[in-house]
Structure formats: structure tokens, C-alpha cells
């Protein structure tokens, strides 16, 4: 049995047992954020009424967006967030030519 994240113990409304922000926390404006060198990866819900989760990566050293994807399911957004995090660590995420 895995141990619950300490943030979940203190704030179960905002954090899952695995340490992720809950859908409620994301709807309130909280942002999952990781930094790997100059690359920052975020998962957020900028417009709660729209029901879309945004996963973005930006390289501040090169001043370029690596990716920006939207998802209707939080599970898919978290999966892409973890995948993007792995790419950022390996420095393999490719920049986007333009944003739609």
C-alpha cells in the first residue's frame, strides 16, 4: 500500500492521495507546475465553465512554446503532462510552429 501524499492529509479538497491537484482545485485556479531547467510545464483549467484542461510547456531560455494541448478529461491531461515532463527532461519536446 502506498503512502498518501502529506498535502492530501492536510488539504484533501485540493490534493489527491497521489499528490495531484483535484478537479476542484484546478477549477479554483490552482496550477500544476514543474520546472526542468529552463522548461516549465503546467496543467491548469483557465476557464472552469468550459471544462477544458490545458497542458503547456514553455522554454524560457529559448523563448519558445514547446507544446500546448487541451483535453476534456483530466486523466488524459495528466497523462500528457507526465509525458511532456519526460520529454522536457530528455530535452526532446519540439517547439510549435504556431498556435491555433
C-alpha atoms as a PDB file:
ATOM      1  CA  UNK A   1       0.000   0.000   0.000  1.00  0.00           C
ATOM      2  CA  UNK A   2       1.372   3.390  -0.955  1.00  0.00           C
ATOM      3  CA  UNK A   3       1.553   6.218   1.492  1.00  0.00           C
ATOM      4  CA  UNK A   4      -0.752   9.198   0.904  1.00  0.00           C
ATOM      5  CA  UNK A   5       0.827  12.489  -0.092  1.00  0.00           C
ATOM      6  CA  UNK A   6       1.121  14.730   3.023  1.00  0.00           C
ATOM      7  CA  UNK A   7      -0.649  17.561   1.201  1.00  0.00           C
ATOM      8  CA  UNK A   8      -3.679  15.279   0.782  1.00  0.00           C
ATOM      9  CA  UNK A   9      -3.760  14.636   4.524  1.00  0.00           C
ATOM     10  CA  UNK A  10      -3.818  18.367   5.288  1.00  0.00           C
ATOM     11  CA  UNK A  11      -5.936  19.522   2.317  1.00  0.00           C
ATOM     12  CA  UNK A  12      -7.983  16.612   0.891  1.00  0.00           C
ATOM     13  CA  UNK A  13     -10.204  19.002  -1.050  1.00  0.00           C
ATOM     14  CA  UNK A  14      -7.217  20.281  -3.032  1.00  0.00           C
ATOM     15  CA  UNK A  15      -4.867  17.271  -3.386  1.00  0.00           C
ATOM     16  CA  UNK A  16      -5.333  13.611  -4.312  1.00  0.00           C
ATOM     17  CA  UNK A  17      -3.582  10.826  -2.415  1.00  0.00           C
ATOM     18  CA  UNK A  18      -1.028  10.730  -5.244  1.00  0.00           C
ATOM     19  CA  UNK A  19      -0.267  14.446  -4.822  1.00  0.00           C
ATOM     20  CA  UNK A  20      -2.136  15.776  -7.887  1.00  0.00           C
ATOM     21  CA  UNK A  21      -4.381  18.813  -7.662  1.00  0.00           C
ATOM     22  CA  UNK A  22      -8.051  17.792  -7.583  1.00  0.00           C
ATOM     23  CA  UNK A  23     -10.557  18.905 -10.247  1.00  0.00           C
ATOM     24  CA  UNK A  24     -11.978  21.291  -7.621  1.00  0.00           C
ATOM     25  CA  UNK A  25      -8.559  22.901  -7.033  1.00  0.00           C
ATOM     26  CA  UNK A  26      -7.967  23.296 -10.768  1.00  0.00           C
ATOM     27  CA  UNK A  27     -11.418  24.882 -11.169  1.00  0.00           C
ATOM     28  CA  UNK A  28     -10.478  27.305  -8.361  1.00  0.00           C
ATOM     29  CA  UNK A  29      -7.431  28.445 -10.337  1.00  0.00           C
ATOM     30  CA  UNK A  30      -4.645  26.320  -8.873  1.00  0.00           C
ATOM     31  CA  UNK A  31      -1.976  25.219 -11.375  1.00  0.00           C
ATOM     32  CA  UNK A  32       0.158  22.052 -11.506  1.00  0.00           C
ATOM     33  CA  UNK A  33       3.631  23.300 -12.367  1.00  0.00           C
ATOM     34  CA  UNK A  34       7.033  21.656 -12.782  1.00  0.00           C
ATOM     35  CA  UNK A  35      10.292  23.217 -13.916  1.00  0.00           C
ATOM     36  CA  UNK A  36      13.065  21.279 -15.598  1.00  0.00           C
ATOM     37  CA  UNK A  37      15.912  23.666 -16.237  1.00  0.00           C
ATOM     38  CA  UNK A  38      14.513  26.438 -18.393  1.00  0.00           C
ATOM     39  CA  UNK A  39      11.410  24.431 -19.407  1.00  0.00           C
ATOM     40  CA  UNK A  40       8.233  24.942 -17.401  1.00  0.00           C
ATOM     41  CA  UNK A  41       5.297  22.532 -17.765  1.00  0.00           C
ATOM     42  CA  UNK A  42       1.840  23.439 -16.475  1.00  0.00           C
ATOM     43  CA  UNK A  43      -1.561  21.787 -16.198  1.00  0.00           C
ATOM     44  CA  UNK A  44      -4.470  24.106 -15.488  1.00  0.00           C
ATOM     45  CA  UNK A  45      -8.124  24.864 -16.158  1.00  0.00           C
ATOM     46  CA  UNK A  46      -8.218  28.534 -17.222  1.00  0.00           C
ATOM     47  CA  UNK A  47     -11.989  28.644 -17.856  1.00  0.00           C
ATOM     48  CA  UNK A  48     -13.786  26.279 -15.453  1.00  0.00           C
ATOM     49  CA  UNK A  49     -17.105  26.685 -17.256  1.00  0.00           C
ATOM     50  CA  UNK A  50     -15.563  25.376 -20.488  1.00  0.00           C
ATOM     51  CA  UNK A  51     -14.443  22.109 -18.887  1.00  0.00           C
ATOM     52  CA  UNK A  52     -11.085  22.051 -20.678  1.00  0.00           C
ATOM     53  CA  UNK A  53      -7.726  21.215 -19.167  1.00  0.00           C
ATOM     54  CA  UNK A  54      -4.647  22.843 -20.702  1.00  0.00           C
ATOM     55  CA  UNK A  55      -1.194  21.251 -20.670  1.00  0.00           C
ATOM     56  CA  UNK A  56       1.590  23.579 -21.776  1.00  0.00           C
ATOM     57  CA  UNK A  57       5.369  23.593 -21.925  1.00  0.00           C
ATOM     58  CA  UNK A  58       7.446  26.711 -22.460  1.00  0.00           C
ATOM     59  CA  UNK A  59      11.216  27.055 -22.755  1.00  0.00           C
ATOM     60  CA  UNK A  60      12.177  30.355 -21.122  1.00  0.00           C
ATOM     61  CA  UNK A  61      15.806  30.173 -22.273  1.00  0.00           C
ATOM     62  CA  UNK A  62      14.856  29.890 -25.944  1.00  0.00           C
ATOM     63  CA  UNK A  63      11.661  31.952 -25.597  1.00  0.00           C
ATOM     64  CA  UNK A  64       9.569  29.348 -27.388  1.00  0.00           C
ATOM     65  CA  UNK A  65       6.498  27.272 -26.673  1.00  0.00           C
ATOM     66  CA  UNK A  66       7.205  23.539 -26.717  1.00  0.00           C
ATOM     67  CA  UNK A  67       3.548  22.478 -26.800  1.00  0.00           C
ATOM     68  CA  UNK A  68       0.043  23.490 -25.778  1.00  0.00           C
ATOM     69  CA  UNK A  69      -2.639  20.814 -25.748  1.00  0.00           C
ATOM     70  CA  UNK A  70      -6.216  20.842 -24.436  1.00  0.00           C
ATOM     71  CA  UNK A  71      -8.187  17.916 -23.032  1.00  0.00           C
ATOM     72  CA  UNK A  72     -11.761  17.357 -21.871  1.00  0.00           C
ATOM     73  CA  UNK A  73     -10.748  14.581 -19.476  1.00  0.00           C
ATOM     74  CA  UNK A  74      -8.418  15.248 -16.562  1.00  0.00           C
ATOM     75  CA  UNK A  75      -7.000  11.724 -16.832  1.00  0.00           C
ATOM     76  CA  UNK A  76      -5.830  12.418 -20.389  1.00  0.00           C
ATOM     77  CA  UNK A  77      -4.415  15.804 -19.385  1.00  0.00           C
ATOM     78  CA  UNK A  78      -2.403  14.244 -16.537  1.00  0.00           C
ATOM     79  CA  UNK A  79      -1.095  11.526 -18.865  1.00  0.00           C
ATOM     80  CA  UNK A  80       0.096  14.168 -21.346  1.00  0.00           C
ATOM     81  CA  UNK A  81       1.566  16.248 -18.507  1.00  0.00           C
ATOM     82  CA  UNK A  82       3.665  13.273 -17.364  1.00  0.00           C
ATOM     83  CA  UNK A  83       4.665  12.516 -20.964  1.00  0.00           C
ATOM     84  CA  UNK A  84       5.610  16.161 -21.572  1.00  0.00           C
ATOM     85  CA  UNK A  85       7.583  16.179 -18.363  1.00  0.00           C
ATOM     86  CA  UNK A  86       9.574  13.153 -19.547  1.00  0.00           C
ATOM     87  CA  UNK A  87      10.232  14.852 -22.903  1.00  0.00           C
ATOM     88  CA  UNK A  88      11.354  18.050 -21.198  1.00  0.00           C
ATOM     89  CA  UNK A  89      13.796  16.152 -19.011  1.00  0.00           C
ATOM     90  CA  UNK A  90      15.143  14.384 -22.112  1.00  0.00           C
ATOM     91  CA  UNK A  91      15.085  17.750 -23.945  1.00  0.00           C
ATOM     92  CA  UNK A  92      13.108  16.218 -26.819  1.00  0.00           C
ATOM     93  CA  UNK A  93       9.890  18.261 -26.857  1.00  0.00           C
ATOM     94  CA  UNK A  94       9.740  20.078 -30.168  1.00  0.00           C
ATOM     95  CA  UNK A  95       8.578  23.684 -30.443  1.00  0.00           C
ATOM     96  CA  UNK A  96       5.250  24.555 -32.013  1.00  0.00           C
ATOM     97  CA  UNK A  97       5.329  26.479 -35.281  1.00  0.00           C
ATOM     98  CA  UNK A  98       2.175  28.428 -34.500  1.00  0.00           C
ATOM     99  CA  UNK A  99      -0.721  28.370 -32.064  1.00  0.00           C
ATOM    100  CA  UNK A 100      -4.231  27.678 -33.386  1.00  0.00           C
END
